[in-house]
Amino acid sequence: MESGKKIVLEVMYKADYCLPCFFMDAAIQEILPLYEDRVEYRRVDIMIGKGKKRFLELSYELFGKDAVHKHIRLAPVPSLLINGELIFDQIPPQFDLVAAIEEALSEFGSVKT
């Protein structure tokens, strides 16, 4: 893997009062130490600032601008995307989360250390 290159995990996150969002974030935070040198984690706070823009961009990538604007198709909340690809639209069990990250790392060319 090239120096400085990491896979990107993004969680669509509404607010702390959204319990599914809170627990999705917590599930990822729990396993991040295993991958700190190979994974970049971003919590996309969809209700504020740059998070709103990123949420819209990801919704466009998933469904297309037409579907977003005409049919209000939006990225699920909470959800987990790895390198912009929707992987989970609900809180995954830890073993599924680890498997998805390991698969993404192997596809990306990272060797497990």
C-alpha atoms as a PDB file:
ATOM      1  CA  MET A   1       0.000   0.000   0.000  1.00  0.00           C
ATOM      2  CA  GLU A   2       1.323   3.427  -0.877  1.00  0.00           C
ATOM      3  CA  SER A   3       2.406   5.626   1.987  1.00  0.00           C
ATOM      4  CA  GLY A   4      -0.429   7.868   3.147  1.00  0.00           C
ATOM      5  CA  LYS A   5      -3.121   5.891   1.290  1.00  0.00           C
ATOM      6  CA  LYS A   6      -5.968   4.645   3.433  1.00  0.00           C
ATOM      7  CA  ILE A   7      -9.457   3.344   2.866  1.00  0.00           C
ATOM      8  CA  VAL A   8     -12.160   5.795   3.910  1.00  0.00           C
ATOM      9  CA  LEU A   9     -15.012   4.808   6.226  1.00  0.00           C
ATOM     10  CA  GLU A  10     -17.904   7.269   6.331  1.00  0.00           C
ATOM     11  CA  VAL A  11     -20.926   7.059   8.596  1.00  0.00           C
ATOM     12  CA  MET A  12     -24.061   9.015   7.794  1.00  0.00           C
ATOM     13  CA  TYR A  13     -24.877  10.516  11.180  1.00  0.00           C
ATOM     14  CA  LYS A  14     -27.910  12.650  12.025  1.00  0.00           C
ATOM     15  CA  ALA A  15     -27.415  13.599  15.683  1.00  0.00           C
ATOM     16  CA  ASP A  16     -26.582  12.201  19.106  1.00  0.00           C
ATOM     17  CA  TYR A  17     -30.297  11.759  19.853  1.00  0.00           C
ATOM     18  CA  CYS A  18     -30.506   9.340  16.894  1.00  0.00           C
ATOM     19  CA  LEU A  19     -29.703   6.120  18.755  1.00  0.00           C
ATOM     20  CA  PRO A  20     -29.042   4.025  15.631  1.00  0.00           C
ATOM     21  CA  CYS A  21     -26.575   6.729  14.478  1.00  0.00           C
ATOM     22  CA  PHE A  22     -24.939   6.818  17.898  1.00  0.00           C
ATOM     23  CA  PHE A  23     -24.522   3.028  18.022  1.00  0.00           C
ATOM     24  CA  MET A  24     -23.265   2.804  14.416  1.00  0.00           C
ATOM     25  CA  ASP A  25     -20.570   5.346  15.296  1.00  0.00           C
ATOM     26  CA  ALA A  26     -19.759   3.484  18.531  1.00  0.00           C
ATOM     27  CA  ALA A  27     -19.423   0.151  16.698  1.00  0.00           C
ATOM     28  CA  ILE A  28     -16.882   1.648  14.331  1.00  0.00           C
ATOM     29  CA  GLN A  29     -15.000   3.515  17.050  1.00  0.00           C
ATOM     30  CA  GLU A  30     -14.616   0.214  18.895  1.00  0.00           C
ATOM     31  CA  ILE A  31     -12.682  -1.472  16.076  1.00  0.00           C
ATOM     32  CA  LEU A  32     -10.787   1.549  14.688  1.00  0.00           C
ATOM     33  CA  PRO A  33      -7.675   0.950  16.838  1.00  0.00           C
ATOM     34  CA  LEU A  34      -7.099  -2.276  14.878  1.00  0.00           C
ATOM     35  CA  TYR A  35      -6.787  -0.285  11.651  1.00  0.00           C
ATOM     36  CA  GLU A  36      -5.537   3.164  12.654  1.00  0.00           C
ATOM     37  CA  ASP A  37      -2.694   3.203  10.121  1.00  0.00           C
ATOM     38  CA  ARG A  38      -4.833   1.888   7.230  1.00  0.00           C
ATOM     39  CA  VAL A  39      -8.280   3.449   7.718  1.00  0.00           C
ATOM     40  CA  GLU A  40      -9.500   7.038   7.747  1.00  0.00           C
ATOM     41  CA  TYR A  41     -12.787   7.481   9.597  1.00  0.00           C
ATOM     42  CA  ARG A  42     -15.197  10.310   8.855  1.00  0.00           C
ATOM     43  CA  ARG A  43     -18.473  10.882  10.621  1.00  0.00           C
ATOM     44  CA  VAL A  44     -20.708  12.784   8.197  1.00  0.00           C
ATOM     45  CA  ASP A  45     -22.941  14.988  10.349  1.00  0.00           C
ATOM     46  CA  ILE A  46     -25.736  15.395   7.803  1.00  0.00           C
ATOM     47  CA  MET A  47     -27.469  18.255   9.627  1.00  0.00           C
ATOM     48  CA  ILE A  48     -24.567  20.713   9.774  1.00  0.00           C
ATOM     49  CA  GLY A  49     -21.951  22.423   7.593  1.00  0.00           C
ATOM     50  CA  LYS A  50     -19.903  20.308   5.223  1.00  0.00           C
ATOM     51  CA  GLY A  51     -21.786  17.199   6.324  1.00  0.00           C
ATOM     52  CA  LYS A  52     -24.925  18.400   4.507  1.00  0.00           C
ATOM     53  CA  LYS A  53     -22.978  18.800   1.281  1.00  0.00           C
ATOM     54  CA  ARG A  54     -21.259  15.411   1.603  1.00  0.00           C
ATOM     55  CA  PHE A  55     -24.589  13.714   2.368  1.00  0.00           C
ATOM     56  CA  LEU A  56     -26.064  15.173  -0.824  1.00  0.00           C
ATOM     57  CA  GLU A  57     -22.976  14.167  -2.864  1.00  0.00           C
ATOM     58  CA  LEU A  58     -23.187  10.584  -1.589  1.00  0.00           C
ATOM     59  CA  SER A  59     -26.930  10.473  -2.257  1.00  0.00           C
ATOM     60  CA  TYR A  60     -26.232  11.595  -5.858  1.00  0.00           C
ATOM     61  CA  GLU A  61     -23.568   8.891  -6.222  1.00  0.00           C
ATOM     62  CA  LEU A  62     -25.912   6.213  -4.902  1.00  0.00           C
ATOM     63  CA  PHE A  63     -29.112   7.138  -6.723  1.00  0.00           C
ATOM     64  CA  GLY A  64     -28.420   9.918  -9.249  1.00  0.00           C
ATOM     65  CA  LYS A  65     -29.477  13.573  -9.127  1.00  0.00           C
ATOM     66  CA  ASP A  66     -32.840  12.895 -10.756  1.00  0.00           C
ATOM     67  CA  ALA A  67     -33.843  10.308  -8.130  1.00  0.00           C
ATOM     68  CA  VAL A  68     -32.671  12.555  -5.295  1.00  0.00           C
ATOM     69  CA  HIS A  69     -34.582  15.620  -6.473  1.00  0.00           C
ATOM     70  CA  LYS A  70     -37.703  14.029  -7.986  1.00  0.00           C
ATOM     71  CA  HIS A  71     -38.167  11.010  -5.745  1.00  0.00           C
ATOM     72  CA  ILE A  72     -36.291  12.109  -2.612  1.00  0.00           C
ATOM     73  CA  ARG A  73     -33.997   9.066  -2.663  1.00  0.00           C
ATOM     74  CA  LEU A  74     -31.343   9.774  -0.052  1.00  0.00           C
ATOM     75  CA  ALA A  75     -28.493   7.852   1.496  1.00  0.00           C
ATOM     76  CA  PRO A  76     -29.807   5.818   4.443  1.00  0.00           C
ATOM     77  CA  VAL A  77     -29.218   7.155   7.937  1.00  0.00           C
ATOM     78  CA  PRO A  78     -27.349   5.652   9.602  1.00  0.00           C
ATOM     79  CA  SER A  79     -25.240   3.904   7.043  1.00  0.00           C
ATOM     80  CA  LEU A  80     -21.609   2.973   6.512  1.00  0.00           C
ATOM     81  CA  LEU A  81     -19.791   3.594   3.263  1.00  0.00           C
ATOM     82  CA  ILE A  82     -16.324   2.347   2.459  1.00  0.00           C
ATOM     83  CA  ASN A  83     -14.574   4.347  -0.251  1.00  0.00           C
ATOM     84  CA  GLY A  84     -17.942   5.795  -1.259  1.00  0.00           C
ATOM     85  CA  GLU A  85     -19.658   2.399  -1.604  1.00  0.00           C
ATOM     86  CA  LEU A  86     -22.672   1.676   0.588  1.00  0.00           C
ATOM     87  CA  ILE A  87     -21.771  -1.347   2.720  1.00  0.00           C
ATOM     88  CA  PHE A  88     -24.246  -1.308   5.623  1.00  0.00           C
ATOM     89  CA  ASP A  89     -27.555   0.505   6.031  1.00  0.00           C
ATOM     90  CA  GLN A  90     -27.981  -0.705   9.592  1.00  0.00           C
ATOM     91  CA  ILE A  91     -25.664  -1.390  12.521  1.00  0.00           C
ATOM     92  CA  PRO A  92     -23.589  -4.445  11.578  1.00  0.00           C
ATOM     93  CA  PRO A  93     -22.396  -7.127  13.976  1.00  0.00           C
ATOM     94  CA  GLN A  94     -18.730  -6.597  14.803  1.00  0.00           C
ATOM     95  CA  PHE A  95     -17.600  -9.666  12.821  1.00  0.00           C
ATOM     96  CA  ASP A  96     -19.372  -8.381   9.673  1.00  0.00           C
ATOM     97  CA  LEU A  97     -17.828  -4.943  10.125  1.00  0.00           C
ATOM     98  CA  VAL A  98     -14.338  -6.413  10.509  1.00  0.00           C
ATOM     99  CA  ALA A  99     -14.885  -8.665   7.472  1.00  0.00           C
ATOM    100  CA  ALA A 100     -16.018  -5.714   5.330  1.00  0.00           C
ATOM    101  CA  ILE A 101     -12.985  -3.646   6.349  1.00  0.00           C
ATOM    102  CA  GLU A 102     -10.607  -6.556   5.756  1.00  0.00           C
ATOM    103  CA  GLU A 103     -12.129  -7.129   2.301  1.00  0.00           C
ATOM    104  CA  ALA A 104     -11.812  -3.444   1.414  1.00  0.00           C
ATOM    105  CA  LEU A 105      -8.199  -3.413   2.607  1.00  0.00           C
ATOM    106  CA  SER A 106      -7.353  -6.487   0.524  1.00  0.00           C
ATOM    107  CA  GLU A 107      -8.981  -4.957  -2.564  1.00  0.00           C
ATOM    108  CA  PHE A 108      -7.152  -1.702  -1.911  1.00  0.00           C
ATOM    109  CA  GLY A 109      -3.842  -3.530  -1.706  1.00  0.00           C
ATOM    110  CA  SER A 110      -3.100  -3.248   1.987  1.00  0.00           C
ATOM    111  CA  VAL A 111      -1.218  -6.115   3.567  1.00  0.00           C
ATOM    112  CA  LYS A 112      -2.428  -6.999   7.061  1.00  0.00           C
ATOM    113  CA  THR A 113       0.254  -6.257   9.631  1.00  0.00           C
END
